[in-house]
Amino acid sequence: MNETSDVALADATLAGHAPMRTEAGEIRPEFLSAIKAAIAAEDEAFLRAEVAELHEADLGDLIAALAPDDRVRLVELTGTDFDFSALNEVDDSVREEILEELEPETVAEGVRELESDDAVELLESLDEEDKEEILERLPPSERDVLERSLDYPDGSAGRRMQSEFIAVPLGWTVGEAIDYMRETPDLPERFYEIYAVDGARHWQGAVSLDTLLRARRPVPLADLIDEDRRRVTVTDDLAEVARMFGKYNLVAAPVVDADNRLAGVITIDDVVDVIEEEADEDFKALGGVSGDEELSDSVWTIAKGRFNWLLVNLATAFLASSVLGLFEGQLQQMVALAVLAPIVASQGGNAATQTMTVAVRALATRELGPNNATRVVLREALVGLVNGLAFALITGIAAVAWFKTPGLGIVIGLAIICNLVAGALGGILIPMVLERVRADPAVASGTFVTTVTDVVGFFSFLGIATLWFGLK
């Protein structure tokens, strides 16, 4: 080993005693440098010691900060000390790159150490050939569990559920259940309740741990179970499951199949991931970006994913511009109209975006529906009218002061009122219509709403100006 490597390793050893993150939560540069140096020097002992101390989320951030080649080497050098659940904390493209470079035996060994929900999340990102190759290297019992979960539809509770749970006979007592948990070595890593089942594994009810521990040993579980406990089926949509957790303040929920047999459990950590994924997809969709786009994607992948909506935007922009073409003669006669027209369109677009953002969120959370749609639409229209009157006054005064033409203030004021009301109505009605026809409001609303405010803004302003000033 050369002198440079010796110095780097000395720094690495020193950095190993320092925390990974700064007070601001960023990875310390010296820590990252130490890891890179240890990878270059193939210092397995140092890397194993560091990786073993890291939480899976921190390990995921460390992986993302490394160069592609270093990521794979980190997994290989740390061997069994590497927590494969950390790969679920990185971008899909990063995870795929790492898994493609690793030997199937290595991935299979890592998958065996994961809980079933984490293992499924890891495997579902692979293509079918690689997935089958890894599954074939697992023991039959473990392979069957994972294959069963992978057979459920993408985005369903069955795909995300954890297959490890505690199920006991309904006829047991509290003491028997506690003794069973104490004596059984392969319990789930984390659990919040136990489930009572009959001989055919049909779900009978749930007993929370706090209820169990407060009861005396001779008490039958049948006296403690919550038969009305909310549960989900394997085919339920994860977004609906997340809403149920939020509405009823759940930390766990049993998952049953079509015959009411206990199949798994959904826990709050899975639900938080679902909520984050849904919010991320909706946020990206509002900007016309694919929900699958990640920071680590290639230039070509990102450009291709954004092209379609940019093309739609171009088409709608031509539509809005064609309205200006209808008033070409008027614009030539009065230059002020060309200067002020974008202001009217822009104000309407901003108002519509505000309304649309609230509407899309309300539709996603089921706060907006048939029962309150009329009231909410009228409220937004009135908000548009109130703001329209206020900005009509402000914009009208500014236009008169700018161009010294009193009538221009009245014209732009009336157009502002029209466009802000149109923007408010478009911002809520368009998402509602898209929801009704089963299109994603977050994806398509922005383009259509902007088109409405541009067309209404240009047409109302130039149309009113044509009538007011007698232009031809």
Protein backbone atom coordinates (compact mmCIF):
# COMPACT_ATOMS: atom_id res chain seq x y z
CA MET A 1 0.00 0.00 0.00
CA ASN A 2 1.39 3.43 -0.92
CA GLU A 3 1.85 6.41 1.39
CA THR A 4 -1.25 8.20 0.07
CA SER A 5 -3.45 5.20 0.88
CA ASP A 6 -1.95 5.00 4.38
CA VAL A 7 -2.83 8.63 5.04
CA ALA A 8 -6.31 8.15 3.66
CA LEU A 9 -6.88 5.13 5.86
CA ALA A 10 -5.61 6.99 8.90
CA ASP A 11 -8.12 9.74 8.16
CA ALA A 12 -10.76 7.06 7.62
CA THR A 13 -10.08 5.49 10.99
CA LEU A 14 -10.22 8.89 12.66
CA ALA A 15 -13.45 9.81 10.87
CA GLY A 16 -14.98 6.52 11.90
CA HIS A 17 -15.32 7.84 15.45
CA ALA A 18 -17.16 10.97 14.31
CA PRO A 19 -20.91 11.08 13.62
CA MET A 20 -21.99 10.58 10.04
CA ARG A 21 -24.05 13.76 9.78
CA THR A 22 -23.56 17.43 10.51
CA GLU A 23 -25.96 19.35 12.73
CA ALA A 24 -27.83 20.33 9.56
CA GLY A 25 -28.36 16.66 8.72
CA GLU A 26 -25.89 16.52 5.82
CA ILE A 27 -23.29 13.76 5.45
CA ARG A 28 -19.95 14.98 6.78
CA PRO A 29 -17.42 15.38 3.94
CA GLU A 30 -14.69 13.76 6.04
CA PHE A 31 -16.94 10.77 6.75
CA LEU A 32 -17.69 10.31 3.06
CA SER A 33 -14.00 10.67 2.19
CA ALA A 34 -13.14 8.03 4.78
CA ILE A 35 -15.64 5.58 3.28
CA LYS A 36 -14.32 6.22 -0.24
CA ALA A 37 -10.74 5.72 0.91
CA ALA A 38 -11.64 2.47 2.68
CA ILE A 39 -13.40 1.18 -0.43
CA ALA A 40 -10.38 2.03 -2.59
CA ALA A 41 -8.10 0.26 -0.09
CA GLU A 42 -10.56 -2.66 0.31
CA ASP A 43 -10.51 -2.26 4.07
CA GLU A 44 -13.29 -4.70 4.91
CA ALA A 45 -12.89 -4.44 8.68
CA PHE A 46 -13.34 -0.68 8.71
CA LEU A 47 -16.28 -0.75 6.31
CA ARG A 48 -18.05 -3.55 8.19
CA ALA A 49 -17.68 -1.65 11.46
CA GLU A 50 -19.07 1.54 9.93
CA VAL A 51 -21.96 -0.07 8.04
CA ALA A 52 -23.05 -2.15 11.02
CA GLU A 53 -23.60 1.05 13.02
CA LEU A 54 -25.74 2.81 10.39
CA HIS A 55 -29.52 2.89 10.25
CA GLU A 56 -30.91 1.66 6.92
CA ALA A 57 -32.00 5.20 5.98
CA ASP A 58 -28.53 6.59 6.70
CA LEU A 59 -26.93 3.75 4.79
CA GLY A 60 -29.22 4.54 1.86
CA ASP A 61 -28.09 8.18 1.88
CA LEU A 62 -24.46 7.06 2.00
CA ILE A 63 -24.99 4.79 -1.01
CA ALA A 64 -26.60 7.62 -2.97
CA ALA A 65 -23.61 9.86 -2.23
CA LEU A 66 -21.09 7.36 -3.60
CA ALA A 67 -20.02 6.88 -7.21
CA PRO A 68 -21.75 3.96 -9.02
CA ASP A 69 -18.70 1.67 -8.87
CA ASP A 70 -18.14 2.40 -5.17
CA ARG A 71 -21.76 1.50 -4.36
CA VAL A 72 -21.37 -2.06 -5.61
CA ARG A 73 -17.96 -2.46 -3.96
CA LEU A 74 -19.40 -1.27 -0.63
CA VAL A 75 -22.01 -4.04 -0.74
CA GLU A 76 -19.43 -6.66 -1.74
CA LEU A 77 -16.84 -5.63 0.85
CA THR A 78 -19.28 -5.45 3.78
CA GLY A 79 -20.80 -8.84 2.97
CA THR A 80 -23.29 -10.10 5.55
CA ASP A 81 -23.02 -6.85 7.54
CA PHE A 82 -24.75 -4.96 4.71
CA ASP A 83 -28.44 -4.35 5.37
CA PHE A 84 -30.23 -4.86 2.04
CA SER A 85 -33.24 -2.91 3.28
CA ALA A 86 -31.09 0.19 2.70
CA LEU A 87 -31.55 -0.39 -1.04
CA ASN A 88 -35.23 0.43 -0.58
CA GLU A 89 -34.16 3.89 0.61
CA VAL A 90 -32.48 4.91 -2.66
CA ASP A 91 -33.84 5.88 -6.09
CA ASP A 92 -35.18 3.04 -8.23
CA SER A 93 -32.49 3.55 -10.87
CA VAL A 94 -29.71 3.39 -8.25
CA ARG A 95 -31.18 0.22 -6.75
CA GLU A 96 -31.48 -1.41 -10.16
CA GLU A 97 -27.88 -0.55 -11.06
CA ILE A 98 -26.59 -2.13 -7.84
CA LEU A 99 -28.71 -5.27 -8.07
CA GLU A 100 -27.74 -5.84 -11.70
CA GLU A 101 -24.04 -5.75 -10.80
CA LEU A 102 -24.27 -8.08 -7.80
CA GLU A 103 -24.16 -11.84 -8.04
CA PRO A 104 -27.60 -13.51 -7.65
CA GLU A 105 -26.27 -15.50 -4.67
CA THR A 106 -25.32 -12.27 -2.91
CA VAL A 107 -28.75 -10.73 -3.50
CA ALA A 108 -30.54 -13.91 -2.45
CA GLU A 109 -28.56 -14.03 0.80
CA GLY A 110 -29.42 -10.39 1.48
CA VAL A 111 -33.11 -10.95 0.72
CA ARG A 112 -33.24 -13.82 3.23
CA GLU A 113 -32.35 -11.39 6.04
CA LEU A 114 -35.21 -9.01 5.21
CA GLU A 115 -38.76 -8.97 6.42
CA SER A 116 -41.15 -10.07 3.69
CA ASP A 117 -42.48 -6.59 2.86
CA ASP A 118 -38.96 -5.21 2.43
CA ALA A 119 -37.94 -8.24 0.37
CA VAL A 120 -40.93 -7.83 -1.96
CA GLU A 121 -40.21 -4.12 -2.40
CA LEU A 122 -36.64 -4.99 -3.36
CA LEU A 123 -37.56 -7.79 -5.76
CA GLU A 124 -40.37 -5.99 -7.58
CA SER A 125 -37.90 -3.52 -9.09
CA LEU A 126 -36.13 -6.34 -10.98
CA ASP A 127 -37.10 -7.75 -14.35
CA GLU A 128 -38.77 -11.16 -14.39
CA GLU A 129 -35.64 -13.12 -15.34
CA ASP A 130 -33.50 -11.68 -12.54
CA LYS A 131 -36.35 -12.01 -10.08
CA GLU A 132 -36.83 -15.70 -10.84
CA GLU A 133 -33.10 -16.33 -10.63
CA ILE A 134 -32.98 -14.90 -7.11
CA LEU A 135 -36.18 -16.61 -5.95
CA GLU A 136 -34.84 -19.98 -7.08
CA ARG A 137 -31.94 -19.58 -4.64
CA LEU A 138 -34.24 -19.15 -1.63
CA PRO A 139 -35.57 -21.97 0.56
CA PRO A 140 -39.00 -23.19 -0.67
CA SER A 141 -40.91 -21.83 2.33
CA GLU A 142 -39.44 -18.33 1.96
CA ARG A 143 -39.82 -18.41 -1.81
CA ASP A 144 -43.51 -19.33 -1.56
CA VAL A 145 -44.23 -16.39 0.76
CA LEU A 146 -42.54 -13.89 -1.54
CA GLU A 147 -44.07 -15.29 -4.72
CA ARG A 148 -47.52 -15.10 -3.14
CA SER A 149 -47.03 -11.41 -2.34
CA LEU A 150 -45.57 -10.66 -5.77
CA ASP A 151 -48.66 -12.22 -7.39
CA TYR A 152 -50.89 -9.52 -5.90
CA PRO A 153 -51.52 -6.41 -8.05
CA ASP A 154 -48.99 -3.60 -7.93
CA GLY A 155 -50.17 -0.93 -5.48
CA SER A 156 -52.31 -3.34 -3.48
CA ALA A 157 -52.19 -4.13 0.23
CA GLY A 158 -51.15 -7.70 -0.56
CA ARG A 159 -48.03 -6.46 -2.34
CA ARG A 160 -46.91 -4.26 0.59
CA MET A 161 -48.08 -6.35 3.57
CA GLN A 162 -45.69 -8.00 5.99
CA SER A 163 -46.18 -11.78 6.08
CA GLU A 164 -44.64 -12.09 9.56
CA PHE A 165 -47.27 -11.67 12.29
CA ILE A 166 -48.46 -13.34 15.49
CA ALA A 167 -51.60 -15.47 15.18
CA VAL A 168 -52.86 -17.55 18.10
CA PRO A 169 -55.95 -19.74 18.69
CA LEU A 170 -59.03 -17.95 19.93
CA GLY A 171 -59.32 -20.40 22.85
CA TRP A 172 -56.02 -19.37 24.45
CA THR A 173 -55.67 -17.33 27.60
CA VAL A 174 -53.59 -14.22 28.11
CA GLY A 175 -50.93 -16.28 29.89
CA GLU A 176 -50.66 -18.78 27.05
CA ALA A 177 -50.28 -15.98 24.49
CA ILE A 178 -47.55 -14.26 26.51
CA ASP A 179 -45.67 -17.52 27.07
CA TYR A 180 -45.88 -18.27 23.35
CA MET A 181 -44.32 -14.90 22.49
CA ARG A 182 -41.57 -15.36 25.07
CA GLU A 183 -40.65 -18.84 23.87
CA THR A 184 -40.92 -18.36 20.10
CA PRO A 185 -37.59 -17.23 18.59
CA ASP A 186 -38.86 -16.14 15.16
CA LEU A 187 -41.24 -13.35 16.09
CA PRO A 188 -41.59 -10.28 13.84
CA GLU A 189 -38.96 -7.64 14.55
CA ARG A 190 -41.68 -5.14 15.47
CA PHE A 191 -45.39 -5.72 16.18
CA TYR A 192 -48.22 -3.86 17.89
CA GLU A 193 -50.97 -6.44 18.28
CA ILE A 194 -51.69 -10.15 18.04
CA TYR A 195 -54.47 -11.79 16.04
CA ALA A 196 -56.87 -14.54 17.02
CA VAL A 197 -57.70 -17.16 14.36
CA ASP A 198 -59.68 -20.37 14.16
CA GLY A 199 -58.39 -23.73 13.00
CA ALA A 200 -58.71 -22.73 9.32
CA ARG A 201 -56.80 -19.49 9.93
CA HIS A 202 -59.91 -17.32 9.57
CA TRP A 203 -59.47 -13.96 11.26
CA GLN A 204 -61.44 -13.70 14.52
CA GLY A 205 -60.22 -10.45 16.01
CA ALA A 206 -57.26 -8.48 17.33
CA VAL A 207 -55.80 -7.84 20.75
CA SER A 208 -53.49 -4.85 21.17
CA LEU A 209 -50.34 -5.33 23.21
CA ASP A 210 -51.34 -2.73 25.80
CA THR A 211 -54.67 -4.53 26.37
CA LEU A 212 -52.89 -7.88 26.58
CA LEU A 213 -50.31 -6.73 29.12
CA ARG A 214 -52.90 -5.10 31.37
CA ALA A 215 -54.99 -8.30 31.62
CA ARG A 216 -54.35 -11.12 34.07
CA ARG A 217 -52.98 -14.43 32.83
CA PRO A 218 -56.17 -16.55 33.25
CA VAL A 219 -58.32 -14.17 31.18
CA PRO A 220 -59.42 -15.76 27.86
CA LEU A 221 -58.34 -13.92 24.71
CA ALA A 222 -61.94 -14.18 23.54
CA ASP A 223 -62.87 -11.66 26.25
CA LEU A 224 -60.31 -9.15 24.97
CA ILE A 225 -60.48 -9.31 21.18
CA ASP A 226 -61.76 -6.41 19.18
CA GLU A 227 -64.04 -8.10 16.65
CA ASP A 228 -64.81 -4.81 14.93
CA ARG A 229 -61.14 -4.06 14.36
CA ARG A 230 -60.67 -2.40 10.99
CA ARG A 231 -58.91 -4.60 8.51
CA VAL A 232 -58.02 -4.53 4.84
CA THR A 233 -58.14 -7.12 2.09
CA VAL A 234 -55.19 -8.17 -0.02
CA THR A 235 -56.60 -6.38 -3.09
CA ASP A 236 -57.31 -3.02 -1.42
CA ASP A 237 -55.55 -0.03 -2.97
CA LEU A 238 -52.67 1.22 -0.84
CA ALA A 239 -53.81 4.83 -1.13
CA GLU A 240 -57.16 3.84 0.40
CA VAL A 241 -55.36 1.91 3.13
CA ALA A 242 -53.27 5.00 3.94
CA ARG A 243 -56.42 7.13 4.17
CA MET A 244 -57.96 4.59 6.57
CA PHE A 245 -54.86 4.70 8.78
CA GLY A 246 -55.00 8.48 8.90
CA LYS A 247 -58.72 8.65 9.55
CA TYR A 248 -58.79 6.09 12.36
CA ASN A 249 -55.30 6.71 13.83
CA LEU A 250 -54.12 3.15 13.25
CA VAL A 251 -50.59 1.85 13.77
CA ALA A 252 -51.27 -1.59 12.27
CA ALA A 253 -54.06 -3.39 10.45
CA PRO A 254 -54.56 -7.09 9.62
CA VAL A 255 -54.74 -8.08 5.95
CA VAL A 256 -57.17 -10.84 4.99
CA ASP A 257 -57.88 -12.66 1.75
CA ALA A 258 -61.25 -13.07 0.00
CA ASP A 259 -62.17 -15.90 2.43
CA ASN A 260 -61.32 -13.80 5.52
CA ARG A 261 -58.16 -15.82 6.19
CA LEU A 262 -55.35 -13.87 7.81
CA ALA A 263 -52.67 -13.21 5.17
CA GLY A 264 -50.47 -10.51 6.67
CA VAL A 265 -50.30 -7.15 8.39
CA ILE A 266 -49.81 -3.55 7.26
CA THR A 267 -47.90 -1.34 9.71
CA ILE A 268 -47.57 2.40 10.04
CA ASP A 269 -44.03 2.52 8.61
CA ASP A 270 -45.34 1.03 5.36
CA VAL A 271 -48.20 3.51 5.30
CA VAL A 272 -45.85 6.46 5.77
CA ASP A 273 -43.90 5.26 2.74
CA VAL A 274 -47.12 5.04 0.73
CA ILE A 275 -48.15 8.57 1.75
CA GLU A 276 -44.74 9.93 0.76
CA GLU A 277 -44.87 8.13 -2.59
CA GLU A 278 -48.39 9.41 -3.33
CA ALA A 279 -47.46 12.97 -2.39
CA ASP A 280 -44.30 12.77 -4.49
CA GLU A 281 -46.22 11.49 -7.53
CA ASP A 282 -48.94 14.15 -7.20
CA PHE A 283 -46.40 16.94 -6.75
CA LYS A 284 -44.51 15.85 -9.86
CA ALA A 285 -47.71 15.34 -11.82
CA LEU A 286 -48.81 18.93 -11.16
CA GLY A 287 -45.66 20.00 -13.00
CA GLY A 288 -46.20 17.55 -15.85
CA VAL A 289 -43.39 15.28 -14.66
CA SER A 290 -43.65 11.49 -14.53
CA GLY A 291 -43.99 10.06 -11.02
CA ASP A 292 -41.17 7.63 -11.86
CA GLU A 293 -38.62 10.36 -12.54
CA GLU A 294 -35.68 10.38 -10.13
CA LEU A 295 -32.68 12.67 -9.68
CA SER A 296 -30.40 9.80 -10.61
CA ASP A 297 -32.07 9.18 -14.00
CA SER A 298 -30.12 9.73 -17.22
CA VAL A 299 -30.55 12.81 -19.41
CA TRP A 300 -32.28 10.77 -22.12
CA THR A 301 -34.73 9.15 -19.67
CA ILE A 302 -35.71 12.50 -18.16
CA ALA A 303 -36.01 14.26 -21.54
CA LYS A 304 -38.16 11.44 -22.96
CA GLY A 305 -40.42 11.44 -19.89
CA ARG A 306 -41.05 15.19 -20.05
CA PHE A 307 -41.48 15.43 -23.82
CA ASN A 308 -45.15 14.40 -24.08
CA TRP A 309 -46.51 17.02 -21.74
CA LEU A 310 -44.31 19.71 -23.23
CA LEU A 311 -45.81 18.77 -26.61
CA VAL A 312 -49.34 19.09 -25.20
CA ASN A 313 -48.42 22.45 -23.69
CA LEU A 314 -47.11 23.61 -27.08
CA ALA A 315 -50.41 22.66 -28.73
CA THR A 316 -52.46 24.53 -26.13
CA ALA A 317 -50.12 27.54 -26.40
CA PHE A 318 -50.85 27.71 -30.14
CA LEU A 319 -54.57 27.59 -29.29
CA ALA A 320 -54.21 30.54 -26.92
CA SER A 321 -52.09 32.45 -29.44
CA SER A 322 -54.73 31.90 -32.11
CA VAL A 323 -57.06 34.06 -30.01
CA LEU A 324 -54.55 36.90 -30.36
CA GLY A 325 -54.60 36.31 -34.11
CA LEU A 326 -58.34 37.04 -34.17
CA PHE A 327 -57.60 40.53 -32.88
CA GLU A 328 -54.54 41.28 -35.03
CA GLY A 329 -56.01 44.49 -36.44
CA GLN A 330 -57.00 45.82 -33.03
CA LEU A 331 -53.53 45.11 -31.63
CA GLN A 332 -51.97 47.07 -34.49
CA GLN A 333 -54.25 50.02 -33.82
CA MET A 334 -53.61 50.10 -30.08
CA VAL A 335 -50.19 48.92 -28.88
CA ALA A 336 -51.26 49.14 -25.22
CA LEU A 337 -53.51 46.12 -25.76
CA ALA A 338 -50.51 43.95 -26.70
CA VAL A 339 -48.64 45.16 -23.62
CA LEU A 340 -51.47 44.54 -21.16
CA ALA A 341 -52.99 41.32 -22.54
CA PRO A 342 -50.39 39.01 -20.90
CA ILE A 343 -51.15 40.59 -17.51
CA VAL A 344 -54.79 39.55 -17.72
CA ALA A 345 -53.89 36.00 -18.77
CA SER A 346 -51.18 35.71 -16.10
CA GLN A 347 -53.45 36.82 -13.24
CA GLY A 348 -56.12 34.35 -14.30
CA GLY A 349 -53.53 31.57 -14.58
CA ASN A 350 -52.17 32.23 -11.09
CA ALA A 351 -55.65 32.29 -9.56
CA ALA A 352 -56.55 29.07 -11.36
CA THR A 353 -53.38 27.35 -10.13
CA GLN A 354 -54.24 28.25 -6.54
CA THR A 355 -57.73 26.81 -6.88
CA MET A 356 -56.52 23.76 -8.80
CA THR A 357 -53.91 22.92 -6.13
CA VAL A 358 -56.56 22.94 -3.40
CA ALA A 359 -59.01 20.98 -5.56
CA VAL A 360 -56.55 18.25 -6.54
CA ARG A 361 -55.53 17.73 -2.94
CA ALA A 362 -59.16 17.66 -1.76
CA LEU A 363 -60.03 15.07 -4.41
CA ALA A 364 -57.03 12.94 -3.45
CA THR A 365 -57.98 12.97 0.23
CA ARG A 366 -61.71 12.49 -0.52
CA GLU A 367 -62.54 15.80 1.15
CA LEU A 368 -64.24 16.96 -2.05
CA GLY A 369 -67.08 14.82 -3.37
CA PRO A 370 -70.68 14.91 -4.61
CA ASN A 371 -72.02 15.92 -1.20
CA ASN A 372 -70.17 19.23 -1.03
CA ALA A 373 -69.20 19.88 -4.67
CA THR A 374 -71.82 22.57 -5.35
CA ARG A 375 -70.99 24.51 -2.20
CA VAL A 376 -67.23 24.39 -2.87
CA VAL A 377 -67.62 25.42 -6.53
CA LEU A 378 -69.78 28.41 -5.57
CA ARG A 379 -67.30 29.37 -2.85
CA GLU A 380 -64.39 29.34 -5.30
CA ALA A 381 -66.37 31.38 -7.82
CA LEU A 382 -67.07 34.00 -5.14
CA VAL A 383 -63.39 34.01 -4.14
CA GLY A 384 -62.53 34.64 -7.80
CA LEU A 385 -65.08 37.46 -7.97
CA VAL A 386 -63.83 39.15 -4.78
CA ASN A 387 -60.18 38.98 -5.86
CA GLY A 388 -61.24 40.00 -9.38
CA LEU A 389 -62.85 43.19 -8.09
CA ALA A 390 -59.80 44.01 -5.98
CA PHE A 391 -57.29 43.45 -8.77
CA ALA A 392 -59.55 45.16 -11.32
CA LEU A 393 -59.21 48.33 -9.27
CA ILE A 394 -55.45 47.96 -8.79
CA THR A 395 -54.73 47.02 -12.42
CA GLY A 396 -57.12 49.62 -13.81
CA ILE A 397 -55.42 52.44 -11.91
CA ALA A 398 -51.99 51.21 -13.01
CA ALA A 399 -53.07 50.98 -16.68
CA VAL A 400 -54.50 54.52 -16.68
CA ALA A 401 -51.37 55.88 -15.02
CA TRP A 402 -49.18 54.07 -17.55
CA PHE A 403 -50.95 54.86 -20.83
CA LYS A 404 -52.99 57.96 -19.86
CA THR A 405 -56.15 56.43 -21.35
CA PRO A 406 -59.06 56.33 -18.85
CA GLY A 407 -61.11 53.82 -20.80
CA LEU A 408 -58.22 51.36 -20.71
CA GLY A 409 -58.55 51.02 -16.94
CA ILE A 410 -62.21 50.03 -17.25
CA VAL A 411 -61.47 47.53 -20.02
CA ILE A 412 -58.67 45.73 -18.20
CA GLY A 413 -60.62 45.82 -14.95
CA LEU A 414 -63.61 44.05 -16.51
CA ALA A 415 -61.29 41.52 -18.19
CA ILE A 416 -59.50 40.81 -14.89
CA ILE A 417 -62.84 40.10 -13.20
CA CYS A 418 -63.92 37.77 -16.02
CA ASN A 419 -60.64 35.86 -16.04
CA LEU A 420 -60.27 35.45 -12.28
CA VAL A 421 -63.81 34.06 -12.05
CA ALA A 422 -63.10 31.80 -15.06
CA GLY A 423 -59.81 30.71 -13.50
CA ALA A 424 -61.49 29.84 -10.21
CA LEU A 425 -64.19 27.82 -11.94
CA GLY A 426 -61.74 26.13 -14.28
CA GLY A 427 -59.36 25.36 -11.41
CA ILE A 428 -62.00 23.34 -9.58
CA LEU A 429 -64.31 22.06 -12.34
CA ILE A 430 -61.58 20.64 -14.59
CA PRO A 431 -60.05 18.42 -11.83
CA MET A 432 -63.55 17.28 -10.85
CA VAL A 433 -64.40 16.32 -14.45
CA LEU A 434 -61.10 14.49 -14.86
CA GLU A 435 -61.76 12.61 -11.63
CA ARG A 436 -65.21 11.65 -12.87
CA VAL A 437 -63.83 10.18 -16.12
CA ARG A 438 -61.17 8.31 -14.09
CA ALA A 439 -58.23 10.39 -15.31
CA ASP A 440 -55.61 11.60 -12.82
CA PRO A 441 -56.46 15.25 -12.01
CA ALA A 442 -52.91 15.92 -10.84
CA VAL A 443 -51.48 14.90 -14.21
CA ALA A 444 -53.81 16.62 -16.67
CA SER A 445 -55.36 19.60 -14.85
CA GLY A 446 -52.49 22.06 -15.21
CA THR A 447 -52.38 22.16 -18.99
CA PHE A 448 -56.15 22.46 -19.47
CA VAL A 449 -56.61 25.05 -16.73
CA THR A 450 -53.81 27.24 -18.15
CA THR A 451 -55.39 27.01 -21.60
CA VAL A 452 -58.77 28.13 -20.23
CA THR A 453 -57.33 31.20 -18.50
CA ASP A 454 -55.20 32.16 -21.51
CA VAL A 455 -58.11 31.88 -23.94
CA VAL A 456 -60.63 33.60 -21.65
CA GLY A 457 -58.11 36.26 -20.64
CA PHE A 458 -57.09 37.21 -24.17
CA PHE A 459 -60.61 37.00 -25.59
CA SER A 460 -62.30 38.95 -22.80
CA PHE A 461 -59.69 41.71 -22.74
CA LEU A 462 -59.42 42.19 -26.48
CA GLY A 463 -63.15 41.65 -27.04
CA ILE A 464 -64.13 44.25 -24.43
CA ALA A 465 -61.48 46.65 -25.79
CA THR A 466 -62.83 46.21 -29.32
CA LEU A 467 -66.33 47.14 -28.21
CA TRP A 468 -65.26 49.94 -25.85
CA PHE A 469 -62.93 51.73 -28.27
CA GLY A 470 -64.82 50.81 -31.45
CA LEU A 471 -61.80 49.09 -32.97
CA LYS A 472 -61.97 47.11 -36.21
